[in-house]
Amino acid sequence: MRRQRVLGTLVLVGAVCIGVGAYQAPPQGGRQGGRGPAGPTEETLKATVLQKLGDNLYIVTGATPPRNFPPGGGNTAVFITEKGVVLVDTKNPGWGQVILDKVRTVTDKPIIAIINTHTHRDHTGGNEFFGAGAMVESVVQENTKANMQRMDIFQGEQAKYLPTRTFKDTMSLFSGKDRIDLFYFGRGHTNGDAWVLFRALNVVHAGDQFALREPQLANVADGGSLVEHPTSLRKALAGLPNTNTFITGHSTVMTRRDVEEFAQFSEDFVRYAEAQIKAGKSVDEAAAGWKLPAAYKGKGYQIQEMRVRNNMQIAYDELKASAR
């Protein structure tokens, strides 16, 4: 049974906002310094842009996709509500100041909440900078919190930056034009991939369930599944029937048709692996024989030999395990 926890306007005003204001006020400050050794270079700074998607929705992205990852990590959504700014994903460690600098070009409101689409440091690395969990409301899918608890950047004293709220299947934050709906539609990149819907705009942040047009990366250590990925994408499409604008993890903004195509691409890869197992082919033989299907040529799909080999191994392992 799906459960939904409505948080209304959250408990983000009063003492929290006072702390947030003090924490984020000086654009040149911050816990990680933003431009230290782990931070951005001048080249990546120049490539980082703030892209407007609506009157109150932006993404902090970077280098031109599809193959070049936006510098610093995943795409960061910036949603400006009546009470403050909600960030979705916070890039790599050292990039918090860059995100804040971009936010300050469009609003002086404080950062009041952070949502992470999944656990990986290129999406959660700036949580500490913004005081996520300690001073700013932090929300993730429940499996993602469990995954984050194993990460080096959240050990010891850093554990105070772990998320303070989790959801299993659905959750709603705020109300009216500020409403954000969170969904979990199943495994894929990890076992806790959240889809973040900005309800009034019908725009969703898909995180790395759709990172780039390339063979999907299923992070097995964090519960990811290559076999279940296409099903999870189709569940998302069914659960978001009015949405046609999808913020990806590392590429451009995509359409519903793009997601449908990517789900088929992912399924085709799995079905190919299944056929190779039945034919008695080894993982190496199957990987060497896989070529980009004609249906996807000329559409910006980027194929790396190592990714194909790794994914073939993951598909073989999953398919063989399910056949036992």
C-alpha atoms as a PDB file:
ATOM      1  CA  MET A   1       0.000   0.000   0.000  1.00  0.00           C
ATOM      2  CA  ARG A   2       1.285   3.441  -0.863  1.00  0.00           C
ATOM      3  CA  ARG A   3       1.480   5.941   1.909  1.00  0.00           C
ATOM      4  CA  GLN A   4       1.612   9.680   1.653  1.00  0.00           C
ATOM      5  CA  ARG A   5       2.890  12.060   4.235  1.00  0.00           C
ATOM      6  CA  VAL A   6       1.804  15.613   3.712  1.00  0.00           C
ATOM      7  CA  LEU A   7       4.213  18.005   5.319  1.00  0.00           C
ATOM      8  CA  GLY A   8       2.373  21.200   4.401  1.00  0.00           C
ATOM      9  CA  THR A   9       4.774  23.997   4.733  1.00  0.00           C
ATOM     10  CA  LEU A  10       7.179  21.884   6.831  1.00  0.00           C
ATOM     11  CA  VAL A  11       8.730  23.096  10.037  1.00  0.00           C
ATOM     12  CA  LEU A  12      11.189  25.342   8.317  1.00  0.00           C
ATOM     13  CA  VAL A  13      10.483  28.775   9.667  1.00  0.00           C
ATOM     14  CA  GLY A  14      11.432  30.376  12.969  1.00  0.00           C
ATOM     15  CA  ALA A  15      14.620  29.064  14.497  1.00  0.00           C
ATOM     16  CA  VAL A  16      15.602  27.089  11.391  1.00  0.00           C
ATOM     17  CA  CYS A  17      15.345  30.069   9.076  1.00  0.00           C
ATOM     18  CA  ILE A  18      17.313  32.215  11.522  1.00  0.00           C
ATOM     19  CA  GLY A  19      20.084  29.640  11.449  1.00  0.00           C
ATOM     20  CA  VAL A  20      19.885  29.297   7.684  1.00  0.00           C
ATOM     21  CA  GLY A  21      20.184  33.020   7.156  1.00  0.00           C
ATOM     22  CA  ALA A  22      23.300  33.209   9.289  1.00  0.00           C
ATOM     23  CA  TYR A  23      24.756  30.117   7.622  1.00  0.00           C
ATOM     24  CA  GLN A  24      24.254  31.166   3.998  1.00  0.00           C
ATOM     25  CA  ALA A  25      24.460  34.960   4.161  1.00  0.00           C
ATOM     26  CA  PRO A  26      28.004  35.671   2.905  1.00  0.00           C
ATOM     27  CA  PRO A  27      28.280  34.417  -0.674  1.00  0.00           C
ATOM     28  CA  GLN A  28      32.053  34.145  -0.286  1.00  0.00           C
ATOM     29  CA  GLY A  29      31.769  31.960   2.832  1.00  0.00           C
ATOM     30  CA  GLY A  30      30.715  28.413   3.454  1.00  0.00           C
ATOM     31  CA  ARG A  31      31.928  25.279   5.192  1.00  0.00           C
ATOM     32  CA  GLN A  32      33.799  23.881   2.231  1.00  0.00           C
ATOM     33  CA  GLY A  33      34.960  27.133   0.706  1.00  0.00           C
ATOM     34  CA  GLY A  34      33.516  26.173  -2.688  1.00  0.00           C
ATOM     35  CA  ARG A  35      36.732  26.926  -4.538  1.00  0.00           C
ATOM     36  CA  GLY A  36      39.200  24.784  -2.625  1.00  0.00           C
ATOM     37  CA  PRO A  37      41.175  21.838  -4.027  1.00  0.00           C
ATOM     38  CA  ALA A  38      37.998  19.736  -4.368  1.00  0.00           C
ATOM     39  CA  GLY A  39      36.065  22.615  -5.884  1.00  0.00           C
ATOM     40  CA  PRO A  40      35.672  23.883  -9.427  1.00  0.00           C
ATOM     41  CA  THR A  41      38.393  25.111 -11.750  1.00  0.00           C
ATOM     42  CA  GLU A  42      38.097  28.388 -13.622  1.00  0.00           C
ATOM     43  CA  GLU A  43      37.266  26.420 -16.766  1.00  0.00           C
ATOM     44  CA  THR A  44      34.370  24.561 -15.165  1.00  0.00           C
ATOM     45  CA  LEU A  45      33.152  27.734 -13.489  1.00  0.00           C
ATOM     46  CA  LYS A  46      32.815  29.384 -16.888  1.00  0.00           C
ATOM     47  CA  ALA A  47      30.868  26.366 -18.164  1.00  0.00           C
ATOM     48  CA  THR A  48      28.433  26.312 -15.242  1.00  0.00           C
ATOM     49  CA  VAL A  49      25.151  28.031 -16.085  1.00  0.00           C
ATOM     50  CA  LEU A  50      21.793  28.717 -14.468  1.00  0.00           C
ATOM     51  CA  GLN A  51      19.053  27.604 -16.860  1.00  0.00           C
ATOM     52  CA  LYS A  52      15.521  28.919 -16.353  1.00  0.00           C
ATOM     53  CA  LEU A  53      12.664  26.425 -16.723  1.00  0.00           C
ATOM     54  CA  GLY A  54       9.859  28.504 -15.224  1.00  0.00           C
ATOM     55  CA  ASP A  55       9.123  31.627 -13.202  1.00  0.00           C
ATOM     56  CA  ASN A  56      10.401  29.945 -10.052  1.00  0.00           C
ATOM     57  CA  LEU A  57      12.350  26.923 -11.313  1.00  0.00           C
ATOM     58  CA  TYR A  58      15.949  26.785 -12.523  1.00  0.00           C
ATOM     59  CA  ILE A  59      18.691  24.213 -12.918  1.00  0.00           C
ATOM     60  CA  VAL A  60      22.375  24.756 -12.215  1.00  0.00           C
ATOM     61  CA  THR A  61      24.006  22.776 -14.988  1.00  0.00           C
ATOM     62  CA  GLY A  62      27.242  23.091 -16.889  1.00  0.00           C
ATOM     63  CA  ALA A  63      29.205  21.769 -19.864  1.00  0.00           C
ATOM     64  CA  THR A  64      27.344  20.995 -23.037  1.00  0.00           C
ATOM     65  CA  PRO A  65      25.811  17.471 -22.922  1.00  0.00           C
ATOM     66  CA  PRO A  66      25.423  14.732 -23.906  1.00  0.00           C
ATOM     67  CA  ARG A  67      28.834  13.207 -23.152  1.00  0.00           C
ATOM     68  CA  ASN A  68      30.517  15.943 -21.134  1.00  0.00           C
ATOM     69  CA  PHE A  69      29.120  15.782 -17.635  1.00  0.00           C
ATOM     70  CA  PRO A  70      28.055  19.108 -16.181  1.00  0.00           C
ATOM     71  CA  PRO A  71      31.033  20.192 -14.067  1.00  0.00           C
ATOM     72  CA  GLY A  72      30.803  19.419 -10.410  1.00  0.00           C
ATOM     73  CA  GLY A  73      28.251  16.630 -10.639  1.00  0.00           C
ATOM     74  CA  GLY A  74      24.551  16.171 -11.342  1.00  0.00           C
ATOM     75  CA  ASN A  75      22.088  18.834 -12.383  1.00  0.00           C
ATOM     76  CA  THR A  76      20.853  20.873  -9.415  1.00  0.00           C
ATOM     77  CA  ALA A  77      17.233  22.077  -9.468  1.00  0.00           C
ATOM     78  CA  VAL A  78      16.519  25.425  -7.795  1.00  0.00           C
ATOM     79  CA  PHE A  79      12.861  25.871  -6.831  1.00  0.00           C
ATOM     80  CA  ILE A  80      11.870  29.211  -5.299  1.00  0.00           C
ATOM     81  CA  THR A  81       8.882  28.933  -2.959  1.00  0.00           C
ATOM     82  CA  GLU A  82       7.103  31.573  -0.902  1.00  0.00           C
ATOM     83  CA  LYS A  83       9.220  30.805   2.165  1.00  0.00           C
ATOM     84  CA  GLY A  84      12.547  29.989   0.555  1.00  0.00           C
ATOM     85  CA  VAL A  85      14.546  27.910  -1.889  1.00  0.00           C
ATOM     86  CA  VAL A  86      14.422  24.145  -2.295  1.00  0.00           C
ATOM     87  CA  LEU A  87      17.431  22.480  -3.922  1.00  0.00           C
ATOM     88  CA  VAL A  88      17.295  19.096  -5.609  1.00  0.00           C
ATOM     89  CA  ASP A  89      20.801  17.555  -5.567  1.00  0.00           C
ATOM     90  CA  THR A  90      23.903  19.458  -4.503  1.00  0.00           C
ATOM     91  CA  LYS A  91      26.697  18.302  -6.812  1.00  0.00           C
ATOM     92  CA  ASN A  92      30.153  17.212  -5.645  1.00  0.00           C
ATOM     93  CA  PRO A  93      31.868  18.346  -2.452  1.00  0.00           C
ATOM     94  CA  GLY A  94      33.310  21.811  -2.947  1.00  0.00           C
ATOM     95  CA  TRP A  95      30.489  23.029  -5.190  1.00  0.00           C
ATOM     96  CA  GLY A  96      28.072  24.391  -2.604  1.00  0.00           C
ATOM     97  CA  GLN A  97      29.325  27.952  -2.962  1.00  0.00           C
ATOM     98  CA  VAL A  98      28.924  27.824  -6.737  1.00  0.00           C
ATOM     99  CA  ILE A  99      25.320  26.685  -6.373  1.00  0.00           C
ATOM    100  CA  LEU A 100      24.658  29.432  -3.837  1.00  0.00           C
ATOM    101  CA  ASP A 101      26.263  32.074  -6.050  1.00  0.00           C
ATOM    102  CA  LYS A 102      23.955  31.056  -8.907  1.00  0.00           C
ATOM    103  CA  VAL A 103      20.908  31.089  -6.615  1.00  0.00           C
ATOM    104  CA  ARG A 104      21.807  34.587  -5.410  1.00  0.00           C
ATOM    105  CA  THR A 105      21.556  35.903  -8.983  1.00  0.00           C
ATOM    106  CA  VAL A 106      17.792  35.268  -8.905  1.00  0.00           C
ATOM    107  CA  THR A 107      16.730  35.414  -5.246  1.00  0.00           C
ATOM    108  CA  ASP A 108      17.868  36.431  -1.755  1.00  0.00           C
ATOM    109  CA  LYS A 109      15.588  33.885  -0.068  1.00  0.00           C
ATOM    110  CA  PRO A 110      17.275  31.310   2.189  1.00  0.00           C
ATOM    111  CA  ILE A 111      17.786  27.682   1.280  1.00  0.00           C
ATOM    112  CA  ILE A 112      15.113  25.919   3.348  1.00  0.00           C
ATOM    113  CA  ALA A 113      15.172  22.324   2.076  1.00  0.00           C
ATOM    114  CA  ILE A 114      17.329  19.887   0.142  1.00  0.00           C
ATOM    115  CA  ILE A 115      16.076  16.813  -1.686  1.00  0.00           C
ATOM    116  CA  ASN A 116      18.581  14.271  -2.982  1.00  0.00           C
ATOM    117  CA  THR A 117      17.459  12.046  -5.835  1.00  0.00           C
ATOM    118  CA  HIS A 118      19.887   9.346  -4.680  1.00  0.00           C
ATOM    119  CA  THR A 119      22.992   8.714  -2.587  1.00  0.00           C
ATOM    120  CA  HIS A 120      25.999   9.390  -4.830  1.00  0.00           C
ATOM    121  CA  ARG A 121      28.433  12.132  -3.865  1.00  0.00           C
ATOM    122  CA  ASP A 122      28.055  13.992  -7.180  1.00  0.00           C
ATOM    123  CA  HIS A 123      24.433  14.601  -6.066  1.00  0.00           C
ATOM    124  CA  THR A 124      24.909  14.880  -2.289  1.00  0.00           C
ATOM    125  CA  GLY A 125      28.379  16.411  -1.942  1.00  0.00           C
ATOM    126  CA  GLY A 126      27.106  19.915  -1.221  1.00  0.00           C
ATOM    127  CA  ASN A 127      24.738  18.863   1.570  1.00  0.00           C
ATOM    128  CA  GLU A 128      27.247  19.793   4.259  1.00  0.00           C
ATOM    129  CA  PHE A 129      27.800  23.255   2.797  1.00  0.00           C
ATOM    130  CA  PHE A 130      24.108  24.072   3.136  1.00  0.00           C
ATOM    131  CA  GLY A 131      23.762  22.449   6.545  1.00  0.00           C
ATOM    132  CA  ALA A 132      21.415  19.768   5.275  1.00  0.00           C
ATOM    133  CA  GLY A 133      20.018  17.756   8.134  1.00  0.00           C
ATOM    134  CA  ALA A 134      21.708  19.953  10.728  1.00  0.00           C
ATOM    135  CA  MET A 135      20.194  23.335   9.820  1.00  0.00           C
ATOM    136  CA  VAL A 136      18.202  22.776   6.621  1.00  0.00           C
ATOM    137  CA  GLU A 137      15.422  20.204   6.108  1.00  0.00           C
ATOM    138  CA  SER A 138      16.779  17.249   4.162  1.00  0.00           C
ATOM    139  CA  VAL A 139      14.554  14.678   2.420  1.00  0.00           C
ATOM    140  CA  VAL A 140      15.336  11.414   0.599  1.00  0.00           C
ATOM    141  CA  GLN A 141      13.801   8.035  -0.165  1.00  0.00           C
ATOM    142  CA  GLU A 142      14.323   5.718   2.795  1.00  0.00           C
ATOM    143  CA  ASN A 143      16.759   3.398   0.997  1.00  0.00           C
ATOM    144  CA  THR A 144      18.852   6.385  -0.005  1.00  0.00           C
ATOM    145  CA  LYS A 145      19.318   7.395   3.612  1.00  0.00           C
ATOM    146  CA  ALA A 146      20.543   3.877   4.405  1.00  0.00           C
ATOM    147  CA  ASN A 147      22.981   4.125   1.493  1.00  0.00           C
ATOM    148  CA  MET A 148      24.163   7.582   2.596  1.00  0.00           C
ATOM    149  CA  GLN A 149      24.884   6.282   6.097  1.00  0.00           C
ATOM    150  CA  ARG A 150      27.634   4.111   4.575  1.00  0.00           C
ATOM    151  CA  MET A 151      29.330   6.976   2.723  1.00  0.00           C
ATOM    152  CA  ASP A 152      32.621   8.423   3.958  1.00  0.00           C
ATOM    153  CA  ILE A 153      31.332  12.000   3.701  1.00  0.00           C
ATOM    154  CA  PHE A 154      28.610  11.242   6.274  1.00  0.00           C
ATOM    155  CA  GLN A 155      30.728   9.482   8.910  1.00  0.00           C
ATOM    156  CA  GLY A 156      31.541  10.662  12.425  1.00  0.00           C
ATOM    157  CA  GLU A 157      30.753  14.320  12.972  1.00  0.00           C
ATOM    158  CA  GLN A 158      29.494  14.506   9.403  1.00  0.00           C
ATOM    159  CA  ALA A 159      26.562  12.256  10.297  1.00  0.00           C
ATOM    160  CA  LYS A 160      24.663  15.380  11.345  1.00  0.00           C
ATOM    161  CA  TYR A 161      24.299  16.185   7.642  1.00  0.00           C
ATOM    162  CA  LEU A 162      22.328  13.024   6.950  1.00  0.00           C
ATOM    163  CA  PRO A 163      18.685  13.458   5.876  1.00  0.00           C
ATOM    164  CA  THR A 164      16.106  14.219   8.539  1.00  0.00           C
ATOM    165  CA  ARG A 165      13.032  12.995   6.622  1.00  0.00           C
ATOM    166  CA  THR A 166      12.460   9.947   4.459  1.00  0.00           C
ATOM    167  CA  PHE A 167       9.609   8.493   2.435  1.00  0.00           C
ATOM    168  CA  LYS A 168       8.869   5.023   1.112  1.00  0.00           C
ATOM    169  CA  ASP A 169       6.594   5.466  -1.920  1.00  0.00           C
ATOM    170  CA  THR A 170       5.273   9.042  -1.955  1.00  0.00           C
ATOM    171  CA  MET A 171       5.477  12.282  -0.029  1.00  0.00           C
ATOM    172  CA  SER A 172       4.228  15.828  -0.574  1.00  0.00           C
ATOM    173  CA  LEU A 173       5.993  18.981   0.551  1.00  0.00           C
ATOM    174  CA  PHE A 174       4.339  22.404   0.786  1.00  0.00           C
ATOM    175  CA  SER A 175       1.052  23.242  -0.928  1.00  0.00           C
ATOM    176  CA  GLY A 176      -0.539  25.228  -3.724  1.00  0.00           C
ATOM    177  CA  LYS A 177       1.891  26.541  -6.336  1.00  0.00           C
ATOM    178  CA  ASP A 178       4.804  25.531  -4.087  1.00  0.00           C
ATOM    179  CA  ARG A 179       3.807  21.881  -3.893  1.00  0.00           C
ATOM    180  CA  ILE A 180       6.483  19.269  -4.520  1.00  0.00           C
ATOM    181  CA  ASP A 181       5.569  15.594  -4.840  1.00  0.00           C
ATOM    182  CA  LEU A 182       8.171  12.880  -4.308  1.00  0.00           C
ATOM    183  CA  PHE A 183       7.832   9.404  -5.784  1.00  0.00           C
ATOM    184  CA  TYR A 184       9.691   6.122  -5.723  1.00  0.00           C
ATOM    185  CA  PHE A 185       8.923   3.938  -8.741  1.00  0.00           C
ATOM    186  CA  GLY A 186      11.436   1.140  -8.267  1.00  0.00           C
ATOM    187  CA  ARG A 187      15.069   0.163  -8.669  1.00  0.00           C
ATOM    188  CA  GLY A 188      17.386   1.250 -11.422  1.00  0.00           C
ATOM    189  CA  HIS A 189      20.446   3.411 -10.820  1.00  0.00           C
ATOM    190  CA  THR A 190      20.103   2.589  -7.088  1.00  0.00           C
ATOM    191  CA  ASN A 191      17.388   1.173  -4.849  1.00  0.00           C
ATOM    192  CA  GLY A 192      16.297   4.626  -3.702  1.00  0.00           C
ATOM    193  CA  ASP A 193      15.905   6.798  -6.799  1.00  0.00           C
ATOM    194  CA  ALA A 194      13.459   9.622  -6.084  1.00  0.00           C
ATOM    195  CA  TRP A 195      11.462  11.409  -8.767  1.00  0.00           C
ATOM    196  CA  VAL A 196      10.773  15.015  -7.767  1.00  0.00           C
ATOM    197  CA  LEU A 197       7.679  16.609  -9.301  1.00  0.00           C
ATOM    198  CA  PHE A 198       7.147  20.364  -9.208  1.00  0.00           C
ATOM    199  CA  ARG A 199       3.385  20.012  -9.354  1.00  0.00           C
ATOM    200  CA  ALA A 200       2.279  23.427 -10.646  1.00  0.00           C
ATOM    201  CA  LEU A 201       4.853  23.366 -13.455  1.00  0.00           C
ATOM    202  CA  ASN A 202       4.525  19.656 -14.326  1.00  0.00           C
ATOM    203  CA  VAL A 203       8.304  19.363 -14.400  1.00  0.00           C
ATOM    204  CA  VAL A 204      10.060  16.412 -12.778  1.00  0.00           C
ATOM    205  CA  HIS A 205      13.671  15.846 -11.737  1.00  0.00           C
ATOM    206  CA  ALA A 206      14.516  12.253 -12.677  1.00  0.00           C
ATOM    207  CA  GLY A 207      18.032  12.152 -11.252  1.00  0.00           C
ATOM    208  CA  ASP A 208      20.209   9.367 -12.594  1.00  0.00           C
ATOM    209  CA  GLN A 209      17.317   7.121 -13.493  1.00  0.00           C
ATOM    210  CA  PHE A 210      17.898   9.029 -16.737  1.00  0.00           C
ATOM    211  CA  ALA A 211      21.396  10.451 -16.484  1.00  0.00           C
ATOM    212  CA  LEU A 212      22.471  10.469 -20.123  1.00  0.00           C
ATOM    213  CA  ARG A 213      21.640   8.799 -23.398  1.00  0.00           C
ATOM    214  CA  GLU A 214      23.885   5.797 -22.844  1.00  0.00           C
ATOM    215  CA  PRO A 215      23.635   2.315 -21.320  1.00  0.00           C
ATOM    216  CA  GLN A 216      22.155   2.829 -17.877  1.00  0.00           C
ATOM    217  CA  LEU A 217      24.549   2.587 -14.949  1.00  0.00           C
ATOM    218  CA  ALA A 218      23.093   0.320 -12.272  1.00  0.00           C
ATOM    219  CA  ASN A 219      25.082   0.763  -9.076  1.00  0.00           C
ATOM    220  CA  VAL A 220      24.798  -2.706  -7.582  1.00  0.00           C
ATOM    221  CA  ALA A 221      26.481  -1.690  -4.314  1.00  0.00           C
ATOM    222  CA  ASP A 222      23.603   0.713  -3.710  1.00  0.00           C
ATOM    223  CA  GLY A 223      20.896  -1.730  -4.733  1.00  0.00           C
ATOM    224  CA  GLY A 224      20.680  -0.742  -8.388  1.00  0.00           C
ATOM    225  CA  SER A 225      19.182  -3.050 -11.003  1.00  0.00           C
ATOM    226  CA  LEU A 226      19.724  -3.077 -14.746  1.00  0.00           C
ATOM    227  CA  VAL A 227      16.952  -5.619 -15.258  1.00  0.00           C
ATOM    228  CA  GLU A 228      14.349  -3.650 -13.300  1.00  0.00           C
ATOM    229  CA  HIS A 229      15.362  -0.253 -14.690  1.00  0.00           C
ATOM    230  CA  PRO A 230      13.082  -0.194 -17.780  1.00  0.00           C
ATOM    231  CA  THR A 231      10.094  -1.267 -15.656  1.00  0.00           C
ATOM    232  CA  SER A 232      10.824   1.504 -13.168  1.00  0.00           C
ATOM    233  CA  LEU A 233      10.957   4.066 -15.965  1.00  0.00           C
ATOM    234  CA  ARG A 234       7.610   2.919 -17.318  1.00  0.00           C
ATOM    235  CA  LYS A 235       6.070   3.049 -13.860  1.00  0.00           C
ATOM    236  CA  ALA A 236       7.307   6.618 -13.589  1.00  0.00           C
ATOM    237  CA  LEU A 237       5.709   7.537 -16.900  1.00  0.00           C
ATOM    238  CA  ALA A 238       2.434   5.953 -15.815  1.00  0.00           C
ATOM    239  CA  GLY A 239       2.585   7.685 -12.443  1.00  0.00           C
ATOM    240  CA  LEU A 240       3.369  11.069 -13.998  1.00  0.00           C
ATOM    241  CA  PRO A 241       0.787  11.138 -16.819  1.00  0.00           C
ATOM    242  CA  ASN A 242       0.754  14.916 -17.303  1.00  0.00           C
ATOM    243  CA  THR A 243       4.494  15.473 -17.240  1.00  0.00           C
ATOM    244  CA  ASN A 244       6.389  16.220 -20.427  1.00  0.00           C
ATOM    245  CA  THR A 245       9.489  17.940 -19.039  1.00  0.00           C
ATOM    246  CA  PHE A 246      12.146  15.807 -17.343  1.00  0.00           C
ATOM    247  CA  ILE A 247      15.303  17.155 -15.747  1.00  0.00           C
ATOM    248  CA  THR A 248      17.986  14.508 -16.230  1.00  0.00           C
ATOM    249  CA  GLY A 249      20.835  13.656 -13.916  1.00  0.00           C
ATOM    250  CA  HIS A 250      23.637  14.844 -16.194  1.00  0.00           C
ATOM    251  CA  SER A 251      22.245  15.837 -19.586  1.00  0.00           C
ATOM    252  CA  THR A 252      19.797  18.291 -21.090  1.00  0.00           C
ATOM    253  CA  VAL A 253      16.120  18.563 -20.187  1.00  0.00           C
ATOM    254  CA  MET A 254      14.252  15.730 -21.905  1.00  0.00           C
ATOM    255  CA  THR A 255      10.683  15.095 -23.058  1.00  0.00           C
ATOM    256  CA  ARG A 256       8.270  12.275 -22.286  1.00  0.00           C
ATOM    257  CA  ARG A 257       9.050  10.692 -25.627  1.00  0.00           C
ATOM    258  CA  ASP A 258      12.752  10.735 -24.746  1.00  0.00           C
ATOM    259  CA  VAL A 259      12.037   8.847 -21.516  1.00  0.00           C
ATOM    260  CA  GLU A 260       9.863   6.328 -23.353  1.00  0.00           C
ATOM    261  CA  GLU A 261      12.649   5.762 -25.846  1.00  0.00           C
ATOM    262  CA  PHE A 262      15.244   5.412 -23.095  1.00  0.00           C
ATOM    263  CA  ALA A 263      13.106   2.814 -21.324  1.00  0.00           C
ATOM    264  CA  GLN A 264      12.976   0.800 -24.550  1.00  0.00           C
ATOM    265  CA  PHE A 265      16.718   1.237 -25.076  1.00  0.00           C
ATOM    266  CA  SER A 266      17.370  -0.082 -21.578  1.00  0.00           C
ATOM    267  CA  GLU A 267      15.039  -3.034 -22.094  1.00  0.00           C
ATOM    268  CA  ASP A 268      16.632  -3.849 -25.456  1.00  0.00           C
ATOM    269  CA  PHE A 269      20.020  -4.091 -23.765  1.00  0.00           C
ATOM    270  CA  VAL A 270      18.698  -6.509 -21.159  1.00  0.00           C
ATOM    271  CA  ARG A 271      16.905  -8.622 -23.758  1.00  0.00           C
ATOM    272  CA  TYR A 272      20.129  -8.800 -25.788  1.00  0.00           C
ATOM    273  CA  ALA A 273      22.010 -10.036 -22.718  1.00  0.00           C
ATOM    274  CA  GLU A 274      19.278 -12.607 -22.102  1.00  0.00           C
ATOM    275  CA  ALA A 275      19.589 -13.912 -25.660  1.00  0.00           C
ATOM    276  CA  GLN A 276      23.372 -14.165 -25.367  1.00  0.00           C
ATOM    277  CA  ILE A 277      23.090 -16.215 -22.179  1.00  0.00           C
ATOM    278  CA  LYS A 278      20.733 -18.622 -23.929  1.00  0.00           C
ATOM    279  CA  ALA A 279      23.205 -18.847 -26.814  1.00  0.00           C
ATOM    280  CA  GLY A 280      25.962 -19.831 -24.407  1.00  0.00           C
ATOM    281  CA  LYS A 281      28.044 -16.699 -24.990  1.00  0.00           C
ATOM    282  CA  SER A 282      30.431 -15.393 -22.359  1.00  0.00           C
ATOM    283  CA  VAL A 283      30.136 -11.885 -20.956  1.00  0.00           C
ATOM    284  CA  ASP A 284      33.128 -10.769 -23.019  1.00  0.00           C
ATOM    285  CA  GLU A 285      31.701 -12.273 -26.191  1.00  0.00           C
ATOM    286  CA  ALA A 286      28.319 -10.672 -25.574  1.00  0.00           C
ATOM    287  CA  ALA A 287      29.865  -7.268 -24.865  1.00  0.00           C
ATOM    288  CA  ALA A 288      32.065  -7.437 -27.969  1.00  0.00           C
ATOM    289  CA  GLY A 289      29.060  -8.326 -30.107  1.00  0.00           C
ATOM    290  CA  TRP A 290      26.742  -5.596 -28.824  1.00  0.00           C
ATOM    291  CA  LYS A 291      26.307  -2.653 -31.188  1.00  0.00           C
ATOM    292  CA  LEU A 292      24.063   0.369 -30.890  1.00  0.00           C
ATOM    293  CA  PRO A 293      20.755  -0.716 -32.460  1.00  0.00           C
ATOM    294  CA  ALA A 294      19.805   1.113 -35.632  1.00  0.00           C
ATOM    295  CA  ALA A 295      16.697   2.570 -33.965  1.00  0.00           C
ATOM    296  CA  TYR A 296      18.917   4.711 -31.699  1.00  0.00           C
ATOM    297  CA  LYS A 297      21.547   5.871 -34.153  1.00  0.00           C
ATOM    298  CA  GLY A 298      21.728   9.599 -34.784  1.00  0.00           C
ATOM    299  CA  LYS A 299      19.879  10.363 -31.537  1.00  0.00           C
ATOM    300  CA  GLY A 300      22.828  11.316 -29.381  1.00  0.00           C
ATOM    301  CA  TYR A 301      23.491   8.002 -27.664  1.00  0.00           C
ATOM    302  CA  GLN A 302      27.056   7.772 -26.396  1.00  0.00           C
ATOM    303  CA  ILE A 303      28.591   4.324 -26.155  1.00  0.00           C
ATOM    304  CA  GLN A 304      31.655   3.525 -24.072  1.00  0.00           C
ATOM    305  CA  GLU A 305      33.214   0.096 -24.457  1.00  0.00           C
ATOM    306  CA  MET A 306      33.937  -0.204 -20.719  1.00  0.00           C
ATOM    307  CA  ARG A 307      30.369   0.731 -19.761  1.00  0.00           C
ATOM    308  CA  VAL A 308      28.990  -1.870 -22.165  1.00  0.00           C
ATOM    309  CA  ARG A 309      31.293  -4.533 -20.669  1.00  0.00           C
ATOM    310  CA  ASN A 310      30.393  -3.606 -17.085  1.00  0.00           C
ATOM    311  CA  ASN A 311      26.687  -3.490 -17.839  1.00  0.00           C
ATOM    312  CA  MET A 312      26.822  -6.817 -19.612  1.00  0.00           C
ATOM    313  CA  GLN A 313      28.331  -8.358 -16.488  1.00  0.00           C
ATOM    314  CA  ILE A 314      25.607  -6.813 -14.318  1.00  0.00           C
ATOM    315  CA  ALA A 315      22.870  -8.028 -16.663  1.00  0.00           C
ATOM    316  CA  TYR A 316      24.339 -11.543 -16.761  1.00  0.00           C
ATOM    317  CA  ASP A 317      24.598 -11.686 -12.976  1.00  0.00           C
ATOM    318  CA  GLU A 318      21.028 -10.474 -12.454  1.00  0.00           C
ATOM    319  CA  LEU A 319      19.495 -12.680 -15.126  1.00  0.00           C
ATOM    320  CA  LYS A 320      21.311 -15.799 -13.974  1.00  0.00           C
ATOM    321  CA  ALA A 321      20.391 -15.133 -10.350  1.00  0.00           C
ATOM    322  CA  SER A 322      16.724 -14.757 -11.246  1.00  0.00           C
ATOM    323  CA  ALA A 323      16.799 -18.004 -13.235  1.00  0.00           C
ATOM    324  CA  ARG A 324      18.034 -20.065 -10.273  1.00  0.00           C
END
